[in-house]
Amino acid sequence: RIMTIATLRPDGWPQATTVGYANEG
Protein backbone atom coordinates (compact mmCIF):
# COMPACT_ATOMS: atom_id res chain seq x y z
CA ARG A 1 0.00 0.00 0.00
CA ILE A 2 3.02 2.32 -0.33
CA MET A 3 4.52 3.73 -3.52
CA THR A 4 6.96 6.46 -4.47
CA ILE A 5 5.84 8.83 -7.23
CA ALA A 6 8.32 10.94 -9.17
CA THR A 7 7.18 14.00 -11.14
CA LEU A 8 9.04 16.87 -12.80
CA ARG A 9 9.35 20.24 -11.11
CA PRO A 10 9.19 23.41 -13.24
CA ASP A 11 13.00 23.60 -13.26
CA GLY A 12 13.22 20.08 -14.75
CA TRP A 13 14.48 18.36 -11.60
CA PRO A 14 12.56 15.31 -10.35
CA GLN A 15 10.48 15.37 -7.20
CA ALA A 16 9.89 11.98 -5.55
CA THR A 17 7.35 11.51 -2.78
CA THR A 18 6.30 8.37 -0.93
CA VAL A 19 2.51 8.06 -0.67
CA GLY A 20 -0.05 5.49 0.33
CA TYR A 21 -2.22 4.08 -2.45
CA ALA A 22 -5.32 2.03 -3.13
CA ASN A 23 -5.90 0.11 -6.30
CA GLU A 24 -8.85 -1.14 -8.29
CA GLY A 25 -7.23 -3.61 -10.63
mmCIF file of all heavy atoms, coordinates in Angstrom:
data_MODEL
# 
_entry.id   MODEL 
# 
loop_
_atom_site.group_PDB 
_atom_site.id 
_atom_site.type_symbol 
_atom_site.label_atom_id 
_atom_site.label_alt_id 
_atom_site.label_comp_id 
_atom_site.label_asym_id 
_atom_site.label_entity_id 
_atom_site.label_seq_id 
_atom_site.pdbx_PDB_ins_code 
_atom_site.Cartn_x 
_atom_site.Cartn_y 
_atom_site.Cartn_z 
_atom_site.occupancy 
_atom_site.B_iso_or_equiv 
_atom_site.pdbx_formal_charge 
_atom_site.auth_seq_id 
_atom_site.auth_comp_id 
_atom_site.auth_asym_id 
_atom_site.auth_atom_id 
_atom_site.pdbx_PDB_model_num 
ATOM 1   N N   . ARG A 1 1  ? 0.811   -1.213 0.000   1.00 0.00 ? 1  ARG A N   1 
ATOM 2   C CA  . ARG A 1 1  ? 0.000   0.000  0.000   1.00 0.00 ? 1  ARG A CA  1 
ATOM 3   C C   . ARG A 1 1  ? 0.847   1.267  0.000   1.00 0.00 ? 1  ARG A C   1 
ATOM 4   O O   . ARG A 1 1  ? 0.345   2.349  0.272   1.00 0.00 ? 1  ARG A O   1 
ATOM 5   C CB  . ARG A 1 1  ? -0.931  0.019  1.225   1.00 0.00 ? 1  ARG A CB  1 
ATOM 6   C CG  . ARG A 1 1  ? -2.028  -1.009 1.116   1.00 0.00 ? 1  ARG A CG  1 
ATOM 7   C CD  . ARG A 1 1  ? -3.027  -0.622 0.033   1.00 0.00 ? 1  ARG A CD  1 
ATOM 8   N NE  . ARG A 1 1  ? -3.871  -1.731 -0.326  1.00 0.00 ? 1  ARG A NE  1 
ATOM 9   C CZ  . ARG A 1 1  ? -4.008  -2.184 -1.567  1.00 0.00 ? 1  ARG A CZ  1 
ATOM 10  N NH1 . ARG A 1 1  ? -3.358  -1.646 -2.552  1.00 0.00 ? 1  ARG A NH1 1 
ATOM 11  N NH2 . ARG A 1 1  ? -4.804  -3.185 -1.824  1.00 0.00 ? 1  ARG A NH2 1 
ATOM 12  N N   . ILE A 1 2  ? 2.135   1.150  -0.309  1.00 0.00 ? 2  ILE A N   1 
ATOM 13  C CA  . ILE A 1 2  ? 3.017   2.321  -0.333  1.00 0.00 ? 2  ILE A CA  1 
ATOM 14  C C   . ILE A 1 2  ? 3.722   2.365  -1.682  1.00 0.00 ? 2  ILE A C   1 
ATOM 15  O O   . ILE A 1 2  ? 4.191   1.342  -2.179  1.00 0.00 ? 2  ILE A O   1 
ATOM 16  C CB  . ILE A 1 2  ? 4.068   2.248  0.794   1.00 0.00 ? 2  ILE A CB  1 
ATOM 17  C CG1 . ILE A 1 2  ? 3.382   2.216  2.156   1.00 0.00 ? 2  ILE A CG1 1 
ATOM 18  C CG2 . ILE A 1 2  ? 5.024   3.440  0.714   1.00 0.00 ? 2  ILE A CG2 1 
ATOM 19  C CD1 . ILE A 1 2  ? 4.335   1.930  3.293   1.00 0.00 ? 2  ILE A CD1 1 
ATOM 20  N N   . MET A 1 3  ? 3.778   3.561  -2.275  1.00 0.00 ? 3  MET A N   1 
ATOM 21  C CA  . MET A 1 3  ? 4.521   3.733  -3.522  1.00 0.00 ? 3  MET A CA  1 
ATOM 22  C C   . MET A 1 3  ? 5.227   5.082  -3.494  1.00 0.00 ? 3  MET A C   1 
ATOM 23  O O   . MET A 1 3  ? 4.862   5.977  -2.735  1.00 0.00 ? 3  MET A O   1 
ATOM 24  C CB  . MET A 1 3  ? 3.605   3.638  -4.742  1.00 0.00 ? 3  MET A CB  1 
ATOM 25  C CG  . MET A 1 3  ? 2.598   4.745  -4.892  1.00 0.00 ? 3  MET A CG  1 
ATOM 26  S SD  . MET A 1 3  ? 1.605   4.470  -6.373  1.00 0.00 ? 3  MET A SD  1 
ATOM 27  C CE  . MET A 1 3  ? 0.409   5.797  -6.188  1.00 0.00 ? 3  MET A CE  1 
ATOM 28  N N   . THR A 1 4  ? 6.261   5.197  -4.303  1.00 0.00 ? 4  THR A N   1 
ATOM 29  C CA  . THR A 1 4  ? 6.958   6.461  -4.473  1.00 0.00 ? 4  THR A CA  1 
ATOM 30  C C   . THR A 1 4  ? 6.658   6.966  -5.880  1.00 0.00 ? 4  THR A C   1 
ATOM 31  O O   . THR A 1 4  ? 6.817   6.231  -6.857  1.00 0.00 ? 4  THR A O   1 
ATOM 32  C CB  . THR A 1 4  ? 8.476   6.301  -4.281  1.00 0.00 ? 4  THR A CB  1 
ATOM 33  O OG1 . THR A 1 4  ? 8.697   5.826  -2.944  1.00 0.00 ? 4  THR A OG1 1 
ATOM 34  C CG2 . THR A 1 4  ? 9.204   7.619  -4.475  1.00 0.00 ? 4  THR A CG2 1 
ATOM 35  N N   . ILE A 1 5  ? 6.184   8.208  -5.951  1.00 0.00 ? 5  ILE A N   1 
ATOM 36  C CA  . ILE A 1 5  ? 5.838   8.834  -7.232  1.00 0.00 ? 5  ILE A CA  1 
ATOM 37  C C   . ILE A 1 5  ? 6.853   9.924  -7.524  1.00 0.00 ? 5  ILE A C   1 
ATOM 38  O O   . ILE A 1 5  ? 7.139   10.760 -6.673  1.00 0.00 ? 5  ILE A O   1 
ATOM 39  C CB  . ILE A 1 5  ? 4.432   9.453  -7.172  1.00 0.00 ? 5  ILE A CB  1 
ATOM 40  C CG1 . ILE A 1 5  ? 3.403   8.372  -6.914  1.00 0.00 ? 5  ILE A CG1 1 
ATOM 41  C CG2 . ILE A 1 5  ? 4.130   10.205 -8.453  1.00 0.00 ? 5  ILE A CG2 1 
ATOM 42  C CD1 . ILE A 1 5  ? 2.017   8.909  -6.745  1.00 0.00 ? 5  ILE A CD1 1 
ATOM 43  N N   . ALA A 1 6  ? 7.389   9.903  -8.741  1.00 0.00 ? 6  ALA A N   1 
ATOM 44  C CA  . ALA A 1 6  ? 8.324   10.943 -9.170  1.00 0.00 ? 6  ALA A CA  1 
ATOM 45  C C   . ALA A 1 6  ? 7.687   11.747 -10.295 1.00 0.00 ? 6  ALA A C   1 
ATOM 46  O O   . ALA A 1 6  ? 7.173   11.184 -11.265 1.00 0.00 ? 6  ALA A O   1 
ATOM 47  C CB  . ALA A 1 6  ? 9.630   10.326 -9.646  1.00 0.00 ? 6  ALA A CB  1 
ATOM 48  N N   . THR A 1 7  ? 7.688   13.067 -10.141 1.00 0.00 ? 7  THR A N   1 
ATOM 49  C CA  . THR A 1 7  ? 7.181   14.000 -11.144 1.00 0.00 ? 7  THR A CA  1 
ATOM 50  C C   . THR A 1 7  ? 8.293   14.998 -11.459 1.00 0.00 ? 7  THR A C   1 
ATOM 51  O O   . THR A 1 7  ? 9.341   14.993 -10.815 1.00 0.00 ? 7  THR A O   1 
ATOM 52  C CB  . THR A 1 7  ? 5.936   14.746 -10.632 1.00 0.00 ? 7  THR A CB  1 
ATOM 53  O OG1 . THR A 1 7  ? 6.274   15.443 -9.427  1.00 0.00 ? 7  THR A OG1 1 
ATOM 54  C CG2 . THR A 1 7  ? 4.783   13.785 -10.354 1.00 0.00 ? 7  THR A CG2 1 
ATOM 55  N N   . LEU A 1 8  ? 8.046   15.855 -12.434 1.00 0.00 ? 8  LEU A N   1 
ATOM 56  C CA  . LEU A 1 8  ? 9.037   16.868 -12.803 1.00 0.00 ? 8  LEU A CA  1 
ATOM 57  C C   . LEU A 1 8  ? 8.642   18.233 -12.280 1.00 0.00 ? 8  LEU A C   1 
ATOM 58  O O   . LEU A 1 8  ? 7.534   18.707 -12.535 1.00 0.00 ? 8  LEU A O   1 
ATOM 59  C CB  . LEU A 1 8  ? 9.191   16.938 -14.328 1.00 0.00 ? 8  LEU A CB  1 
ATOM 60  C CG  . LEU A 1 8  ? 9.873   15.751 -14.966 1.00 0.00 ? 8  LEU A CG  1 
ATOM 61  C CD1 . LEU A 1 8  ? 9.843   15.886 -16.488 1.00 0.00 ? 8  LEU A CD1 1 
ATOM 62  C CD2 . LEU A 1 8  ? 11.305  15.635 -14.480 1.00 0.00 ? 8  LEU A CD2 1 
ATOM 63  N N   . ARG A 1 9  ? 9.560   18.865 -11.573 1.00 0.00 ? 9  ARG A N   1 
ATOM 64  C CA  . ARG A 1 9  ? 9.351   20.240 -11.107 1.00 0.00 ? 9  ARG A CA  1 
ATOM 65  C C   . ARG A 1 9  ? 9.489   21.186 -12.297 1.00 0.00 ? 9  ARG A C   1 
ATOM 66  O O   . ARG A 1 9  ? 9.993   20.814 -13.353 1.00 0.00 ? 9  ARG A O   1 
ATOM 67  C CB  . ARG A 1 9  ? 10.379  20.589 -10.037 1.00 0.00 ? 9  ARG A CB  1 
ATOM 68  C CG  . ARG A 1 9  ? 10.290  19.733 -8.801  1.00 0.00 ? 9  ARG A CG  1 
ATOM 69  C CD  . ARG A 1 9  ? 11.242  20.132 -7.714  1.00 0.00 ? 9  ARG A CD  1 
ATOM 70  N NE  . ARG A 1 9  ? 12.469  20.764 -8.195  1.00 0.00 ? 9  ARG A NE  1 
ATOM 71  C CZ  . ARG A 1 9  ? 13.478  21.100 -7.421  1.00 0.00 ? 9  ARG A CZ  1 
ATOM 72  N NH1 . ARG A 1 9  ? 13.416  20.879 -6.131  1.00 0.00 ? 9  ARG A NH1 1 
ATOM 73  N NH2 . ARG A 1 9  ? 14.551  21.656 -7.921  1.00 0.00 ? 9  ARG A NH2 1 
ATOM 74  N N   . PRO A 1 10 ? 9.077   22.444 -12.142 1.00 0.00 ? 10 PRO A N   1 
ATOM 75  C CA  . PRO A 1 10 ? 9.192   23.405 -13.241 1.00 0.00 ? 10 PRO A CA  1 
ATOM 76  C C   . PRO A 1 10 ? 10.621  23.593 -13.736 1.00 0.00 ? 10 PRO A C   1 
ATOM 77  O O   . PRO A 1 10 ? 10.837  23.874 -14.919 1.00 0.00 ? 10 PRO A O   1 
ATOM 78  C CB  . PRO A 1 10 ? 8.658   24.707 -12.646 1.00 0.00 ? 10 PRO A CB  1 
ATOM 79  C CG  . PRO A 1 10 ? 7.795   24.303 -11.509 1.00 0.00 ? 10 PRO A CG  1 
ATOM 80  C CD  . PRO A 1 10 ? 8.383   23.016 -10.985 1.00 0.00 ? 10 PRO A CD  1 
ATOM 81  N N   . ASP A 1 11 ? 11.601  23.413 -12.854 1.00 0.00 ? 11 ASP A N   1 
ATOM 82  C CA  . ASP A 1 11 ? 13.001  23.596 -13.260 1.00 0.00 ? 11 ASP A CA  1 
ATOM 83  C C   . ASP A 1 11 ? 13.591  22.339 -13.909 1.00 0.00 ? 11 ASP A C   1 
ATOM 84  O O   . ASP A 1 11 ? 14.768  22.304 -14.247 1.00 0.00 ? 11 ASP A O   1 
ATOM 85  C CB  . ASP A 1 11 ? 13.857  24.033 -12.077 1.00 0.00 ? 11 ASP A CB  1 
ATOM 86  C CG  . ASP A 1 11 ? 13.891  23.025 -10.933 1.00 0.00 ? 11 ASP A CG  1 
ATOM 87  O OD1 . ASP A 1 11 ? 13.347  21.908 -11.077 1.00 0.00 ? 11 ASP A OD1 1 
ATOM 88  O OD2 . ASP A 1 11 ? 14.460  23.363 -9.878  1.00 0.00 ? 11 ASP A OD2 1 
ATOM 89  N N   . GLY A 1 12 ? 12.765  21.289 -14.087 1.00 0.00 ? 12 GLY A N   1 
ATOM 90  C CA  . GLY A 1 12 ? 13.223  20.077 -14.746 1.00 0.00 ? 12 GLY A CA  1 
ATOM 91  C C   . GLY A 1 12 ? 13.778  19.010 -13.826 1.00 0.00 ? 12 GLY A C   1 
ATOM 92  O O   . GLY A 1 12 ? 14.043  17.893 -14.255 1.00 0.00 ? 12 GLY A O   1 
ATOM 93  N N   . TRP A 1 13 ? 13.975  19.343 -12.563 1.00 0.00 ? 13 TRP A N   1 
ATOM 94  C CA  . TRP A 1 13 ? 14.476  18.361 -11.597 1.00 0.00 ? 13 TRP A CA  1 
ATOM 95  C C   . TRP A 1 13 ? 13.330  17.472 -11.134 1.00 0.00 ? 13 TRP A C   1 
ATOM 96  O O   . TRP A 1 13 ? 12.190  17.920 -11.012 1.00 0.00 ? 13 TRP A O   1 
ATOM 97  C CB  . TRP A 1 13 ? 15.089  19.076 -10.392 1.00 0.00 ? 13 TRP A CB  1 
ATOM 98  C CG  . TRP A 1 13 ? 16.432  19.643 -10.703 1.00 0.00 ? 13 TRP A CG  1 
ATOM 99  C CD1 . TRP A 1 13 ? 16.703  20.895 -11.194 1.00 0.00 ? 13 TRP A CD1 1 
ATOM 100 C CD2 . TRP A 1 13 ? 17.680  18.991 -10.573 1.00 0.00 ? 13 TRP A CD2 1 
ATOM 101 N NE1 . TRP A 1 13 ? 18.047  21.055 -11.369 1.00 0.00 ? 13 TRP A NE1 1 
ATOM 102 C CE2 . TRP A 1 13 ? 18.680  19.900 -10.997 1.00 0.00 ? 13 TRP A CE2 1 
ATOM 103 C CE3 . TRP A 1 13 ? 18.071  17.729 -10.149 1.00 0.00 ? 13 TRP A CE3 1 
ATOM 104 C CZ2 . TRP A 1 13 ? 20.025  19.578 -11.003 1.00 0.00 ? 13 TRP A CZ2 1 
ATOM 105 C CZ3 . TRP A 1 13 ? 19.410  17.410 -10.148 1.00 0.00 ? 13 TRP A CZ3 1 
ATOM 106 C CH2 . TRP A 1 13 ? 20.371  18.325 -10.569 1.00 0.00 ? 13 TRP A CH2 1 
ATOM 107 N N   . PRO A 1 14 ? 13.618  16.201 -10.829 1.00 0.00 ? 14 PRO A N   1 
ATOM 108 C CA  . PRO A 1 14 ? 12.561  15.307 -10.353 1.00 0.00 ? 14 PRO A CA  1 
ATOM 109 C C   . PRO A 1 14 ? 12.194  15.594 -8.899  1.00 0.00 ? 14 PRO A C   1 
ATOM 110 O O   . PRO A 1 14 ? 13.016  16.083 -8.130  1.00 0.00 ? 14 PRO A O   1 
ATOM 111 C CB  . PRO A 1 14 ? 13.184  13.919 -10.474 1.00 0.00 ? 14 PRO A CB  1 
ATOM 112 C CG  . PRO A 1 14 ? 14.653  14.155 -10.384 1.00 0.00 ? 14 PRO A CG  1 
ATOM 113 C CD  . PRO A 1 14 ? 14.897  15.512 -10.990 1.00 0.00 ? 14 PRO A CD  1 
ATOM 114 N N   . GLN A 1 15 ? 10.947  15.310 -8.583  1.00 0.00 ? 15 GLN A N   1 
ATOM 115 C CA  . GLN A 1 15 ? 10.479  15.372 -7.202  1.00 0.00 ? 15 GLN A CA  1 
ATOM 116 C C   . GLN A 1 15 ? 9.859   14.013 -6.898  1.00 0.00 ? 15 GLN A C   1 
ATOM 117 O O   . GLN A 1 15 ? 8.905   13.598 -7.568  1.00 0.00 ? 15 GLN A O   1 
ATOM 118 C CB  . GLN A 1 15 ? 9.431   16.461 -7.007  1.00 0.00 ? 15 GLN A CB  1 
ATOM 119 C CG  . GLN A 1 15 ? 8.883   16.475 -5.596  1.00 0.00 ? 15 GLN A CG  1 
ATOM 120 C CD  . GLN A 1 15 ? 7.703   17.417 -5.431  1.00 0.00 ? 15 GLN A CD  1 
ATOM 121 O OE1 . GLN A 1 15 ? 7.210   17.979 -6.395  1.00 0.00 ? 15 GLN A OE1 1 
ATOM 122 N NE2 . GLN A 1 15 ? 7.254   17.574 -4.207  1.00 0.00 ? 15 GLN A NE2 1 
ATOM 123 N N   . ALA A 1 16 ? 10.400  13.302 -5.923  1.00 0.00 ? 16 ALA A N   1 
ATOM 124 C CA  . ALA A 1 16 ? 9.895   11.983 -5.551  1.00 0.00 ? 16 ALA A CA  1 
ATOM 125 C C   . ALA A 1 16 ? 9.280   12.055 -4.162  1.00 0.00 ? 16 ALA A C   1 
ATOM 126 O O   . ALA A 1 16 ? 9.871   12.607 -3.244  1.00 0.00 ? 16 ALA A O   1 
ATOM 127 C CB  . ALA A 1 16 ? 11.013  10.951 -5.581  1.00 0.00 ? 16 ALA A CB  1 
ATOM 128 N N   . THR A 1 17 ? 8.077   11.495 -4.038  1.00 0.00 ? 17 THR A N   1 
ATOM 129 C CA  . THR A 1 17 ? 7.346   11.510 -2.783  1.00 0.00 ? 17 THR A CA  1 
ATOM 130 C C   . THR A 1 17 ? 6.768   10.121 -2.525  1.00 0.00 ? 17 THR A C   1 
ATOM 131 O O   . THR A 1 17 ? 6.199   9.517  -3.434  1.00 0.00 ? 17 THR A O   1 
ATOM 132 C CB  . THR A 1 17 ? 6.186   12.526 -2.839  1.00 0.00 ? 17 THR A CB  1 
ATOM 133 O OG1 . THR A 1 17 ? 6.685   13.797 -3.232  1.00 0.00 ? 17 THR A OG1 1 
ATOM 134 C CG2 . THR A 1 17 ? 5.497   12.650 -1.497  1.00 0.00 ? 17 THR A CG2 1 
ATOM 135 N N   . THR A 1 18 ? 6.907   9.640  -1.311  1.00 0.00 ? 18 THR A N   1 
ATOM 136 C CA  . THR A 1 18 ? 6.295   8.369  -0.935  1.00 0.00 ? 18 THR A CA  1 
ATOM 137 C C   . THR A 1 18 ? 4.878   8.641  -0.456  1.00 0.00 ? 18 THR A C   1 
ATOM 138 O O   . THR A 1 18 ? 4.653   9.527  0.368   1.00 0.00 ? 18 THR A O   1 
ATOM 139 C CB  . THR A 1 18 ? 7.120   7.677  0.167   1.00 0.00 ? 18 THR A CB  1 
ATOM 140 O OG1 . THR A 1 18 ? 8.435   7.437  -0.341  1.00 0.00 ? 18 THR A OG1 1 
ATOM 141 C CG2 . THR A 1 18 ? 6.497   6.366  0.578   1.00 0.00 ? 18 THR A CG2 1 
ATOM 142 N N   . VAL A 1 19 ? 3.923   7.886  -1.003  1.00 0.00 ? 19 VAL A N   1 
ATOM 143 C CA  . VAL A 1 19 ? 2.509   8.062  -0.670  1.00 0.00 ? 19 VAL A CA  1 
ATOM 144 C C   . VAL A 1 19 ? 1.862   6.700  -0.478  1.00 0.00 ? 19 VAL A C   1 
ATOM 145 O O   . VAL A 1 19 ? 2.339   5.689  -0.984  1.00 0.00 ? 19 VAL A O   1 
ATOM 146 C CB  . VAL A 1 19 ? 1.754   8.834  -1.791  1.00 0.00 ? 19 VAL A CB  1 
ATOM 147 C CG1 . VAL A 1 19 ? 2.294   10.240 -1.960  1.00 0.00 ? 19 VAL A CG1 1 
ATOM 148 C CG2 . VAL A 1 19 ? 1.807   8.092  -3.112  1.00 0.00 ? 19 VAL A CG2 1 
ATOM 149 N N   . GLY A 1 20 ? 0.773   6.689  0.243   1.00 0.00 ? 20 GLY A N   1 
ATOM 150 C CA  . GLY A 1 20 ? -0.049  5.486  0.331   1.00 0.00 ? 20 GLY A CA  1 
ATOM 151 C C   . GLY A 1 20 ? -0.920  5.415  -0.911  1.00 0.00 ? 20 GLY A C   1 
ATOM 152 O O   . GLY A 1 20 ? -1.214  6.441  -1.535  1.00 0.00 ? 20 GLY A O   1 
ATOM 153 N N   . TYR A 1 21 ? -1.355  4.217  -1.285  1.00 0.00 ? 21 TYR A N   1 
ATOM 154 C CA  . TYR A 1 21 ? -2.219  4.083  -2.449  1.00 0.00 ? 21 TYR A CA  1 
ATOM 155 C C   . TYR A 1 21 ? -3.271  3.014  -2.220  1.00 0.00 ? 21 TYR A C   1 
ATOM 156 O O   . TYR A 1 21 ? -3.153  2.160  -1.338  1.00 0.00 ? 21 TYR A O   1 
ATOM 157 C CB  . TYR A 1 21 ? -1.403  3.764  -3.707  1.00 0.00 ? 21 TYR A CB  1 
ATOM 158 C CG  . TYR A 1 21 ? -0.883  2.344  -3.783  1.00 0.00 ? 21 TYR A CG  1 
ATOM 159 C CD1 . TYR A 1 21 ? -1.632  1.324  -4.353  1.00 0.00 ? 21 TYR A CD1 1 
ATOM 160 C CD2 . TYR A 1 21 ? 0.370   2.024  -3.276  1.00 0.00 ? 21 TYR A CD2 1 
ATOM 161 C CE1 . TYR A 1 21 ? -1.147  0.017  -4.408  1.00 0.00 ? 21 TYR A CE1 1 
ATOM 162 C CE2 . TYR A 1 21 ? 0.857   0.730  -3.336  1.00 0.00 ? 21 TYR A CE2 1 
ATOM 163 C CZ  . TYR A 1 21 ? 0.092   -0.271 -3.905  1.00 0.00 ? 21 TYR A CZ  1 
ATOM 164 O OH  . TYR A 1 21 ? 0.571   -1.554 -3.951  1.00 0.00 ? 21 TYR A OH  1 
ATOM 165 N N   . ALA A 1 22 ? -4.309  3.082  -3.019  1.00 0.00 ? 22 ALA A N   1 
ATOM 166 C CA  . ALA A 1 22 ? -5.321  2.035  -3.131  1.00 0.00 ? 22 ALA A CA  1 
ATOM 167 C C   . ALA A 1 22 ? -5.411  1.697  -4.605  1.00 0.00 ? 22 ALA A C   1 
ATOM 168 O O   . ALA A 1 22 ? -5.131  2.548  -5.451  1.00 0.00 ? 22 ALA A O   1 
ATOM 169 C CB  . ALA A 1 22 ? -6.663  2.523  -2.601  1.00 0.00 ? 22 ALA A CB  1 
ATOM 170 N N   . ASN A 1 23 ? -5.761  0.475  -4.895  1.00 0.00 ? 23 ASN A N   1 
ATOM 171 C CA  . ASN A 1 23 ? -5.902  0.114  -6.299  1.00 0.00 ? 23 ASN A CA  1 
ATOM 172 C C   . ASN A 1 23 ? -7.212  -0.598 -6.552  1.00 0.00 ? 23 ASN A C   1 
ATOM 173 O O   . ASN A 1 23 ? -7.769  -1.250 -5.678  1.00 0.00 ? 23 ASN A O   1 
ATOM 174 C CB  . ASN A 1 23 ? -4.720  -0.735 -6.782  1.00 0.00 ? 23 ASN A CB  1 
ATOM 175 C CG  . ASN A 1 23 ? -4.714  -2.122 -6.194  1.00 0.00 ? 23 ASN A CG  1 
ATOM 176 O OD1 . ASN A 1 23 ? -4.595  -2.272 -4.975  1.00 0.00 ? 23 ASN A OD1 1 
ATOM 177 N ND2 . ASN A 1 23 ? -4.831  -3.130 -7.037  1.00 0.00 ? 23 ASN A ND2 1 
ATOM 178 N N   . GLU A 1 24 ? -7.693  -0.418 -7.767  1.00 0.00 ? 24 GLU A N   1 
ATOM 179 C CA  . GLU A 1 24 ? -8.845  -1.138 -8.285  1.00 0.00 ? 24 GLU A CA  1 
ATOM 180 C C   . GLU A 1 24 ? -8.349  -1.764 -9.583  1.00 0.00 ? 24 GLU A C   1 
ATOM 181 O O   . GLU A 1 24 ? -8.267  -1.090 -10.609 1.00 0.00 ? 24 GLU A O   1 
ATOM 182 C CB  . GLU A 1 24 ? -9.993  -0.171 -8.528  1.00 0.00 ? 24 GLU A CB  1 
ATOM 183 C CG  . GLU A 1 24 ? -11.294 -0.818 -8.869  1.00 0.00 ? 24 GLU A CG  1 
ATOM 184 C CD  . GLU A 1 24 ? -12.426 0.187  -8.931  1.00 0.00 ? 24 GLU A CD  1 
ATOM 185 O OE1 . GLU A 1 24 ? -12.239 1.367  -8.607  1.00 0.00 ? 24 GLU A OE1 1 
ATOM 186 O OE2 . GLU A 1 24 ? -13.512 -0.229 -9.337  1.00 0.00 ? 24 GLU A OE2 1 
ATOM 187 N N   . GLY A 1 25 ? -7.905  -2.995 -9.492  1.00 0.00 ? 25 GLY A N   1 
ATOM 188 C CA  . GLY A 1 25 ? -7.232  -3.613 -10.633 1.00 0.00 ? 25 GLY A CA  1 
ATOM 189 C C   . GLY A 1 25 ? -5.913  -2.895 -10.866 1.00 0.00 ? 25 GLY A C   1 
ATOM 190 O O   . GLY A 1 25 ? -5.139  -2.679 -9.941  1.00 0.00 ? 25 GLY A O   1 
# 
